[in-house]
PDB file of N, CA and C in Angstrom:
ATOM      1  N   MET A   1       0.840  -1.176   0.000  1.00  0.00           N
ATOM      2  CA  MET A   1       0.000   0.000   0.000  1.00  0.00           C
ATOM      3  C   MET A   1       0.893   1.250   0.000  1.00  0.00           C
ATOM      4  N   LEU A   2       0.503   2.252  -0.767  1.00  0.00           N
ATOM      5  CA  LEU A   2       1.263   3.485  -0.895  1.00  0.00           C
ATOM      6  C   LEU A   2       1.028   4.380   0.319  1.00  0.00           C
ATOM      7  N   ASP A   3       2.098   4.774   0.962  1.00  0.00           N
ATOM      8  CA  ASP A   3       2.007   5.684   2.096  1.00  0.00           C
ATOM      9  C   ASP A   3       2.112   7.110   1.556  1.00  0.00           C
ATOM     10  N   LEU A   4       1.008   7.866   1.586  1.00  0.00           N
ATOM     11  CA  LEU A   4       0.984   9.206   0.999  1.00  0.00           C
ATOM     12  C   LEU A   4       1.909  10.179   1.713  1.00  0.00           C
ATOM     13  N   LYS A   5       2.206   9.919   2.970  1.00  0.00           N
ATOM     14  CA  LYS A   5       3.129  10.786   3.700  1.00  0.00           C
ATOM     15  C   LYS A   5       4.540  10.688   3.124  1.00  0.00           C
ATOM     16  N   GLU A   6       4.862   9.550   2.568  1.00  0.00           N
ATOM     17  CA  GLU A   6       6.197   9.296   2.035  1.00  0.00           C
ATOM     18  C   GLU A   6       6.282   9.554   0.530  1.00  0.00           C
ATOM     19  N   TYR A   7       5.151   9.762  -0.113  1.00  0.00           N
ATOM     20  CA  TYR A   7       5.117   9.907  -1.571  1.00  0.00           C
ATOM     21  C   TYR A   7       5.744  11.230  -1.998  1.00  0.00           C
ATOM     22  N   GLN A   8       6.706  11.181  -2.872  1.00  0.00           N
ATOM     23  CA  GLN A   8       7.367  12.355  -3.417  1.00  0.00           C
ATOM     24  C   GLN A   8       7.319  12.280  -4.945  1.00  0.00           C
ATOM     25  N   PRO A   9       6.362  12.964  -5.564  1.00  0.00           N
ATOM     26  CA  PRO A   9       6.287  12.921  -7.013  1.00  0.00           C
ATOM     27  C   PRO A   9       7.558  13.489  -7.637  1.00  0.00           C
ATOM     28  N   GLN A  10       8.007  12.885  -8.701  1.00  0.00           N
ATOM     29  CA  GLN A  10       9.256  13.276  -9.318  1.00  0.00           C
ATOM     30  C   GLN A  10       9.065  14.107 -10.583  1.00  0.00           C
ATOM     31  N   SER A  11       7.858  14.316 -10.977  1.00  0.00           N
ATOM     32  CA  SER A  11       7.589  15.034 -12.209  1.00  0.00           C
ATOM     33  C   SER A  11       7.998  16.502 -12.097  1.00  0.00           C
ATOM     34  N   GLU A  12       8.817  16.961 -13.040  1.00  0.00           N
ATOM     35  CA  GLU A  12       9.217  18.364 -13.069  1.00  0.00           C
ATOM     36  C   GLU A  12       8.004  19.252 -13.306  1.00  0.00           C
ATOM     37  N   LEU A  13       7.074  18.789 -14.132  1.00  0.00           N
ATOM     38  CA  LEU A  13       5.851  19.538 -14.396  1.00  0.00           C
ATOM     39  C   LEU A  13       5.049  19.716 -13.103  1.00  0.00           C
ATOM     40  N   TYR A  14       4.958  18.650 -12.322  1.00  0.00           N
ATOM     41  CA  TYR A  14       4.268  18.717 -11.029  1.00  0.00           C
ATOM     42  C   TYR A  14       4.909  19.783 -10.142  1.00  0.00           C
ATOM     43  N   HIS A  15       6.232  19.748 -10.030  1.00  0.00           N
ATOM     44  CA  HIS A  15       6.942  20.703  -9.185  1.00  0.00           C
ATOM     45  C   HIS A  15       6.773  22.129  -9.699  1.00  0.00           C
ATOM     46  N   LYS A  16       6.750  22.297 -11.002  1.00  0.00           N
ATOM     47  CA  LYS A  16       6.558  23.620 -11.599  1.00  0.00           C
ATOM     48  C   LYS A  16       5.208  24.191 -11.181  1.00  0.00           C
ATOM     49  N   TYR A  17       4.158  23.374 -11.279  1.00  0.00           N
ATOM     50  CA  TYR A  17       2.830  23.852 -10.918  1.00  0.00           C
ATOM     51  C   TYR A  17       2.685  24.079  -9.422  1.00  0.00           C
ATOM     52  N   ILE A  18       3.272  23.238  -8.639  1.00  0.00           N
ATOM     53  CA  ILE A  18       3.218  23.421  -7.185  1.00  0.00           C
ATOM     54  C   ILE A  18       3.902  24.727  -6.815  1.00  0.00           C
ATOM     55  N   ARG A  19       5.074  25.009  -7.371  1.00  0.00           N
ATOM     56  CA  ARG A  19       5.775  26.272  -7.098  1.00  0.00           C
ATOM     57  C   ARG A  19       4.913  27.463  -7.497  1.00  0.00           C
ATOM     58  N   ARG A  20       4.307  27.375  -8.693  1.00  0.00           N
ATOM     59  CA  ARG A  20       3.477  28.478  -9.168  1.00  0.00           C
ATOM     60  C   ARG A  20       2.279  28.689  -8.242  1.00  0.00           C
ATOM     61  N   TRP A  21       1.625  27.608  -7.838  1.00  0.00           N
ATOM     62  CA  TRP A  21       0.467  27.726  -6.946  1.00  0.00           C
ATOM     63  C   TRP A  21       0.872  28.313  -5.599  1.00  0.00           C
ATOM     64  N   LEU A  22       2.010  27.901  -5.094  1.00  0.00           N
ATOM     65  CA  LEU A  22       2.484  28.441  -3.821  1.00  0.00           C
ATOM     66  C   LEU A  22       2.797  29.931  -3.942  1.00  0.00           C
ATOM     67  N   GLU A  23       3.434  30.310  -5.038  1.00  0.00           N
ATOM     68  CA  GLU A  23       3.742  31.726  -5.254  1.00  0.00           C
ATOM     69  C   GLU A  23       2.458  32.548  -5.390  1.00  0.00           C
ATOM     70  N   GLU A  24       1.491  32.016  -6.137  1.00  0.00           N
ATOM     71  CA  GLU A  24       0.215  32.723  -6.295  1.00  0.00           C
ATOM     72  C   GLU A  24      -0.508  32.836  -4.962  1.00  0.00           C
ATOM     73  N   GLY A  25      -0.469  31.772  -4.183  1.00  0.00           N
ATOM     74  CA  GLY A  25      -1.107  31.790  -2.870  1.00  0.00           C
ATOM     75  C   GLY A  25      -0.453  32.796  -1.944  1.00  0.00           C
ATOM     76  N   LYS A  26       0.864  32.876  -2.002  1.00  0.00           N
ATOM     77  CA  LYS A  26       1.586  33.844  -1.173  1.00  0.00           C
ATOM     78  C   LYS A  26       1.212  35.261  -1.594  1.00  0.00           C
ATOM     79  N   ALA A  27       1.183  35.520  -2.894  1.00  0.00           N
ATOM     80  CA  ALA A  27       0.826  36.855  -3.393  1.00  0.00           C
ATOM     81  C   ALA A  27      -0.604  37.218  -3.001  1.00  0.00           C
ATOM     82  N   GLU A  28      -1.512  36.256  -3.101  1.00  0.00           N
ATOM     83  CA  GLU A  28      -2.905  36.493  -2.705  1.00  0.00           C
ATOM     84  C   GLU A  28      -2.988  36.848  -1.226  1.00  0.00           C
ATOM     85  N   GLY A  29      -2.254  36.101  -0.409  1.00  0.00           N
ATOM     86  CA  GLY A  29      -2.262  36.361   1.030  1.00  0.00           C
ATOM     87  C   GLY A  29      -1.680  37.722   1.370  1.00  0.00           C
ATOM     88  N   GLU A  30      -0.603  38.096   0.687  1.00  0.00           N
ATOM     89  CA  GLU A  30       0.005  39.401   0.930  1.00  0.00           C
ATOM     90  C   GLU A  30      -0.944  40.523   0.524  1.00  0.00           C
ATOM     91  N   ALA A  31      -1.602  40.374  -0.619  1.00  0.00           N
ATOM     92  CA  ALA A  31      -2.548  41.397  -1.078  1.00  0.00           C
ATOM     93  C   ALA A  31      -3.717  41.516  -0.107  1.00  0.00           C
ATOM     94  N   ALA A  32      -4.216  40.383   0.356  1.00  0.00           N
ATOM     95  CA  ALA A  32      -5.328  40.420   1.313  1.00  0.00           C
ATOM     96  C   ALA A  32      -4.907  41.125   2.594  1.00  0.00           C
ATOM     97  N   GLY A  33      -3.684  40.873   3.044  1.00  0.00           N
ATOM     98  CA  GLY A  33      -3.181  41.536   4.239  1.00  0.00           C
ATOM     99  C   GLY A  33      -3.027  43.035   4.041  1.00  0.00           C
ATOM    100  N   MET A  34      -2.550  43.429   2.859  1.00  0.00           N
ATOM    101  CA  MET A  34      -2.407  44.854   2.557  1.00  0.00           C
ATOM    102  C   MET A  34      -3.782  45.523   2.514  1.00  0.00           C
ATOM    103  N   ALA A  35      -4.760  44.860   1.938  1.00  0.00           N
ATOM    104  CA  ALA A  35      -6.114  45.416   1.868  1.00  0.00           C
ATOM    105  C   ALA A  35      -6.673  45.606   3.279  1.00  0.00           C
ATOM    106  N   GLU A  36      -6.458  44.638   4.143  1.00  0.00           N
ATOM    107  CA  GLU A  36      -6.915  44.755   5.532  1.00  0.00           C
ATOM    108  C   GLU A  36      -6.206  45.907   6.238  1.00  0.00           C
ATOM    109  N   ALA A  37      -4.930  46.133   5.919  1.00  0.00           N
ATOM    110  CA  ALA A  37      -4.186  47.236   6.524  1.00  0.00           C
ATOM    111  C   ALA A  37      -4.772  48.585   6.097  1.00  0.00           C
ATOM    112  N   VAL A  38      -5.150  48.699   4.832  1.00  0.00           N
ATOM    113  CA  VAL A  38      -5.780  49.930   4.345  1.00  0.00           C
ATOM    114  C   VAL A  38      -7.063  50.191   5.125  1.00  0.00           C
ATOM    115  N   LEU A  39      -7.883  49.161   5.250  1.00  0.00           N
ATOM    116  CA  LEU A  39      -9.144  49.307   5.989  1.00  0.00           C
ATOM    117  C   LEU A  39      -8.897  49.640   7.459  1.00  0.00           C
ATOM    118  N   ALA A  40      -7.852  49.069   8.040  1.00  0.00           N
ATOM    119  CA  ALA A  40      -7.545  49.338   9.450  1.00  0.00           C
ATOM    120  C   ALA A  40      -7.181  50.807   9.658  1.00  0.00           C
ATOM    121  N   VAL A  41      -6.449  51.390   8.720  1.00  0.00           N
ATOM    122  CA  VAL A  41      -6.090  52.813   8.844  1.00  0.00           C
ATOM    123  C   VAL A  41      -7.357  53.659   8.827  1.00  0.00           C
ATOM    124  N   PHE A  42      -8.260  53.358   7.900  1.00  0.00           N
ATOM    125  CA  PHE A  42      -9.523  54.112   7.851  1.00  0.00           C
ATOM    126  C   PHE A  42     -10.291  53.967   9.155  1.00  0.00           C
ATOM    127  N   GLU A  43     -10.320  52.753   9.685  1.00  0.00           N
ATOM    128  CA  GLU A  43     -11.052  52.509  10.931  1.00  0.00           C
ATOM    129  C   GLU A  43     -10.440  53.298  12.087  1.00  0.00           C
ATOM    130  N   VAL A  44      -9.137  53.232  12.231  1.00  0.00           N
ATOM    131  CA  VAL A  44      -8.455  53.935  13.321  1.00  0.00           C
ATOM    132  C   VAL A  44      -8.659  55.442  13.203  1.00  0.00           C
ATOM    133  N   ARG A  45      -8.681  55.946  11.983  1.00  0.00           N
ATOM    134  CA  ARG A  45      -8.848  57.380  11.772  1.00  0.00           C
ATOM    135  C   ARG A  45     -10.305  57.810  11.825  1.00  0.00           C
ATOM    136  N   GLY A  46     -11.218  56.856  11.937  1.00  0.00           N
ATOM    137  CA  GLY A  46     -12.636  57.176  12.023  1.00  0.00           C
ATOM    138  C   GLY A  46     -13.243  57.608  10.698  1.00  0.00           C
ATOM    139  N   LEU A  47     -12.649  57.192   9.591  1.00  0.00           N
ATOM    140  CA  LEU A  47     -13.175  57.530   8.270  1.00  0.00           C
ATOM    141  C   LEU A  47     -14.140  56.445   7.819  1.00  0.00           C
ATOM    142  N   PRO A  48     -15.383  56.792   7.551  1.00  0.00           N
ATOM    143  CA  PRO A  48     -16.365  55.785   7.154  1.00  0.00           C
ATOM    144  C   PRO A  48     -16.080  55.232   5.763  1.00  0.00           C
ATOM    145  N   VAL A  49     -16.186  53.917   5.646  1.00  0.00           N
ATOM    146  CA  VAL A  49     -15.950  53.206   4.391  1.00  0.00           C
ATOM    147  C   VAL A  49     -17.281  52.623   3.925  1.00  0.00           C
ATOM    148  N   THR A  50     -17.672  52.948   2.705  1.00  0.00           N
ATOM    149  CA  THR A  50     -18.920  52.389   2.169  1.00  0.00           C
ATOM    150  C   THR A  50     -18.705  50.918   1.814  1.00  0.00           C
ATOM    151  N   ASP A  51     -19.786  50.194   1.646  1.00  0.00           N
ATOM    152  CA  ASP A  51     -19.689  48.790   1.228  1.00  0.00           C
ATOM    153  C   ASP A  51     -18.972  48.681  -0.119  1.00  0.00           C
ATOM    154  N   GLU A  52     -19.266  49.619  -1.014  1.00  0.00           N
ATOM    155  CA  GLU A  52     -18.638  49.607  -2.342  1.00  0.00           C
ATOM    156  C   GLU A  52     -17.128  49.834  -2.229  1.00  0.00           C
ATOM    157  N   GLN A  53     -16.724  50.764  -1.389  1.00  0.00           N
ATOM    158  CA  GLN A  53     -15.288  51.027  -1.195  1.00  0.00           C
ATOM    159  C   GLN A  53     -14.598  49.828  -0.548  1.00  0.00           C
ATOM    160  N   ARG A  54     -15.266  49.244   0.446  1.00  0.00           N
ATOM    161  CA  ARG A  54     -14.705  48.058   1.119  1.00  0.00           C
ATOM    162  C   ARG A  54     -14.499  46.931   0.120  1.00  0.00           C
ATOM    163  N   GLU A  55     -15.471  46.699  -0.740  1.00  0.00           N
ATOM    164  CA  GLU A  55     -15.365  45.635  -1.748  1.00  0.00           C
ATOM    165  C   GLU A  55     -14.238  45.932  -2.730  1.00  0.00           C
ATOM    166  N   LEU A  56     -14.114  47.191  -3.142  1.00  0.00           N
ATOM    167  CA  LEU A  56     -13.045  47.601  -4.055  1.00  0.00           C
ATOM    168  C   LEU A  56     -11.680  47.319  -3.432  1.00  0.00           C
ATOM    169  N   ILE A  57     -11.514  47.694  -2.190  1.00  0.00           N
ATOM    170  CA  ILE A  57     -10.238  47.493  -1.497  1.00  0.00           C
ATOM    171  C   ILE A  57      -9.952  46.003  -1.321  1.00  0.00           C
ATOM    172  N   LEU A  58     -10.929  45.257  -0.840  1.00  0.00           N
ATOM    173  CA  LEU A  58     -10.712  43.835  -0.581  1.00  0.00           C
ATOM    174  C   LEU A  58     -10.514  43.011  -1.851  1.00  0.00           C
ATOM    175  N   SER A  59     -11.040  43.479  -2.966  1.00  0.00           N
ATOM    176  CA  SER A  59     -10.895  42.719  -4.220  1.00  0.00           C
ATOM    177  C   SER A  59      -9.623  43.089  -4.985  1.00  0.00           C
ATOM    178  N   CYS A  60      -8.950  44.149  -4.574  1.00  0.00           N
ATOM    179  CA  CYS A  60      -7.732  44.581  -5.265  1.00  0.00           C
ATOM    180  C   CYS A  60      -6.586  43.611  -4.975  1.00  0.00           C
ATOM    181  N   ARG A  61      -5.871  43.221  -6.013  1.00  0.00           N
ATOM    182  CA  ARG A  61      -4.731  42.323  -5.861  1.00  0.00           C
ATOM    183  C   ARG A  61      -3.444  42.941  -6.409  1.00  0.00           C
ATOM    184  N   ASP A  62      -3.495  44.245  -6.668  1.00  0.00           N
ATOM    185  CA  ASP A  62      -2.341  44.976  -7.176  1.00  0.00           C
ATOM    186  C   ASP A  62      -1.568  45.549  -5.990  1.00  0.00           C
ATOM    187  N   PRO A  63      -0.399  44.993  -5.665  1.00  0.00           N
ATOM    188  CA  PRO A  63       0.330  45.452  -4.482  1.00  0.00           C
ATOM    189  C   PRO A  63       0.750  46.918  -4.556  1.00  0.00           C
ATOM    190  N   ASP A  64       1.068  47.417  -5.740  1.00  0.00           N
ATOM    191  CA  ASP A  64       1.454  48.822  -5.871  1.00  0.00           C
ATOM    192  C   ASP A  64       0.275  49.746  -5.558  1.00  0.00           C
ATOM    193  N   ARG A  65      -0.887  49.401  -6.071  1.00  0.00           N
ATOM    194  CA  ARG A  65      -2.083  50.205  -5.801  1.00  0.00           C
ATOM    195  C   ARG A  65      -2.439  50.157  -4.317  1.00  0.00           C
ATOM    196  N   LEU A  66      -2.390  48.971  -3.730  1.00  0.00           N
ATOM    197  CA  LEU A  66      -2.699  48.838  -2.301  1.00  0.00           C
ATOM    198  C   LEU A  66      -1.711  49.640  -1.453  1.00  0.00           C
ATOM    199  N   ASP A  67      -0.457  49.628  -1.833  1.00  0.00           N
ATOM    200  CA  ASP A  67       0.540  50.408  -1.108  1.00  0.00           C
ATOM    201  C   ASP A  67       0.242  51.902  -1.215  1.00  0.00           C
ATOM    202  N   ARG A  68      -0.122  52.377  -2.413  1.00  0.00           N
ATOM    203  CA  ARG A  68      -0.486  53.790  -2.591  1.00  0.00           C
ATOM    204  C   ARG A  68      -1.679  54.152  -1.721  1.00  0.00           C
ATOM    205  N   TRP A  69      -2.708  53.300  -1.745  1.00  0.00           N
ATOM    206  CA  TRP A  69      -3.894  53.559  -0.938  1.00  0.00           C
ATOM    207  C   TRP A  69      -3.542  53.610   0.543  1.00  0.00           C
ATOM    208  N   HIS A  70      -2.696  52.688   0.973  1.00  0.00           N
ATOM    209  CA  HIS A  70      -2.308  52.633   2.382  1.00  0.00           C
ATOM    210  C   HIS A  70      -1.590  53.915   2.780  1.00  0.00           C
ATOM    211  N   ARG A  71      -0.660  54.361   1.988  1.00  0.00           N
ATOM    212  CA  ARG A  71       0.083  55.586   2.289  1.00  0.00           C
ATOM    213  C   ARG A  71      -0.842  56.807   2.295  1.00  0.00           C
ATOM    214  N   ARG A  72      -1.753  56.864   1.329  1.00  0.00           N
ATOM    215  CA  ARG A  72      -2.693  57.989   1.262  1.00  0.00           C
ATOM    216  C   ARG A  72      -3.679  57.965   2.433  1.00  0.00           C
ATOM    217  N   ALA A  73      -4.066  56.758   2.848  1.00  0.00           N
ATOM    218  CA  ALA A  73      -5.051  56.616   3.927  1.00  0.00           C
ATOM    219  C   ALA A  73      -4.563  57.253   5.229  1.00  0.00           C
ATOM    220  N   ILE A  74      -3.271  57.324   5.397  1.00  0.00           N
ATOM    221  CA  ILE A  74      -2.695  57.866   6.628  1.00  0.00           C
ATOM    222  C   ILE A  74      -3.026  59.347   6.796  1.00  0.00           C
ATOM    223  N   SER A  75      -3.082  60.092   5.689  1.00  0.00           N
ATOM    224  CA  SER A  75      -3.281  61.538   5.823  1.00  0.00           C
ATOM    225  C   SER A  75      -4.469  62.096   5.044  1.00  0.00           C
ATOM    226  N   ALA A  76      -5.143  61.277   4.252  1.00  0.00           N
ATOM    227  CA  ALA A  76      -6.262  61.768   3.442  1.00  0.00           C
ATOM    228  C   ALA A  76      -7.415  62.234   4.328  1.00  0.00           C
ATOM    229  N   GLY A  77      -8.167  63.193   3.811  1.00  0.00           N
ATOM    230  CA  GLY A  77      -9.319  63.703   4.544  1.00  0.00           C
ATOM    231  C   GLY A  77     -10.546  62.821   4.419  1.00  0.00           C
ATOM    232  N   SER A  78     -10.522  61.911   3.446  1.00  0.00           N
ATOM    233  CA  SER A  78     -11.653  61.002   3.245  1.00  0.00           C
ATOM    234  C   SER A  78     -11.164  59.735   2.558  1.00  0.00           C
ATOM    235  N   VAL A  79     -12.000  58.714   2.601  1.00  0.00           N
ATOM    236  CA  VAL A  79     -11.681  57.466   1.906  1.00  0.00           C
ATOM    237  C   VAL A  79     -11.607  57.729   0.409  1.00  0.00           C
ATOM    238  N   GLU A  80     -12.542  58.513  -0.095  1.00  0.00           N
ATOM    239  CA  GLU A  80     -12.548  58.832  -1.525  1.00  0.00           C
ATOM    240  C   GLU A  80     -11.234  59.486  -1.947  1.00  0.00           C
ATOM    241  N   GLU A  81     -10.740  60.417  -1.136  1.00  0.00           N
ATOM    242  CA  GLU A  81      -9.482  61.082  -1.448  1.00  0.00           C
ATOM    243  C   GLU A  81      -8.323  60.069  -1.438  1.00  0.00           C
ATOM    244  N   ALA A  82      -8.304  59.175  -0.468  1.00  0.00           N
ATOM    245  CA  ALA A  82      -7.239  58.175  -0.365  1.00  0.00           C
ATOM    246  C   ALA A  82      -7.239  57.225  -1.566  1.00  0.00           C
ATOM    247  N   LEU A  83      -8.437  56.849  -1.999  1.00  0.00           N
ATOM    248  CA  LEU A  83      -8.539  55.930  -3.134  1.00  0.00           C
ATOM    249  C   LEU A  83      -8.298  56.658  -4.457  1.00  0.00           C
ATOM    250  N   GLY A  84      -8.344  57.966  -4.448  1.00  0.00           N
ATOM    251  CA  GLY A  84      -8.015  58.750  -5.622  1.00  0.00           C
ATOM    252  C   GLY A  84      -8.870  58.432  -6.832  1.00  0.00           C
ATOM    253  N   GLY A  85     -10.161  58.232  -6.627  1.00  0.00           N
ATOM    254  CA  GLY A  85     -11.038  57.887  -7.737  1.00  0.00           C
ATOM    255  C   GLY A  85     -10.923  56.428  -8.131  1.00  0.00           C
ATOM    256  N   ALA A  86     -10.176  55.639  -7.360  1.00  0.00           N
ATOM    257  CA  ALA A  86      -9.993  54.189  -7.520  1.00  0.00           C
ATOM    258  C   ALA A  86      -9.124  53.817  -8.696  1.00  0.00           C
ATOM    259  N   GLU A  87      -8.902  54.720  -9.632  1.00  0.00           N
ATOM    260  CA  GLU A  87      -8.012  54.354 -10.727  1.00  0.00           C
ATOM    261  C   GLU A  87      -6.555  54.606 -10.366  1.00  0.00           C
ATOM    262  N   SER A  88      -6.319  55.204  -9.218  1.00  0.00           N
ATOM    263  CA  SER A  88      -4.943  55.529  -8.810  1.00  0.00           C
ATOM    264  C   SER A  88      -4.279  54.372  -8.109  1.00  0.00           C
TER     265      SER A  88
END
């Protein structure tokens, strides 16, 4: 009987896909964490976030955009200003 704990697939294709999935999963997790950080800044500053804005932030997977939003959220007068029309 095959012991799955000991099974080590040798296929290079398998390893390629596993690496890619792990990298994608890591990027997804980092983006989700950045989105939560943006929302946390708004919460701490007492800036109200609409459901639409929350969804926009949580669905964003662009780390550069999330970083811009996070930096702007620190000093912006409103969520709208921090998001910069969302195309920023």
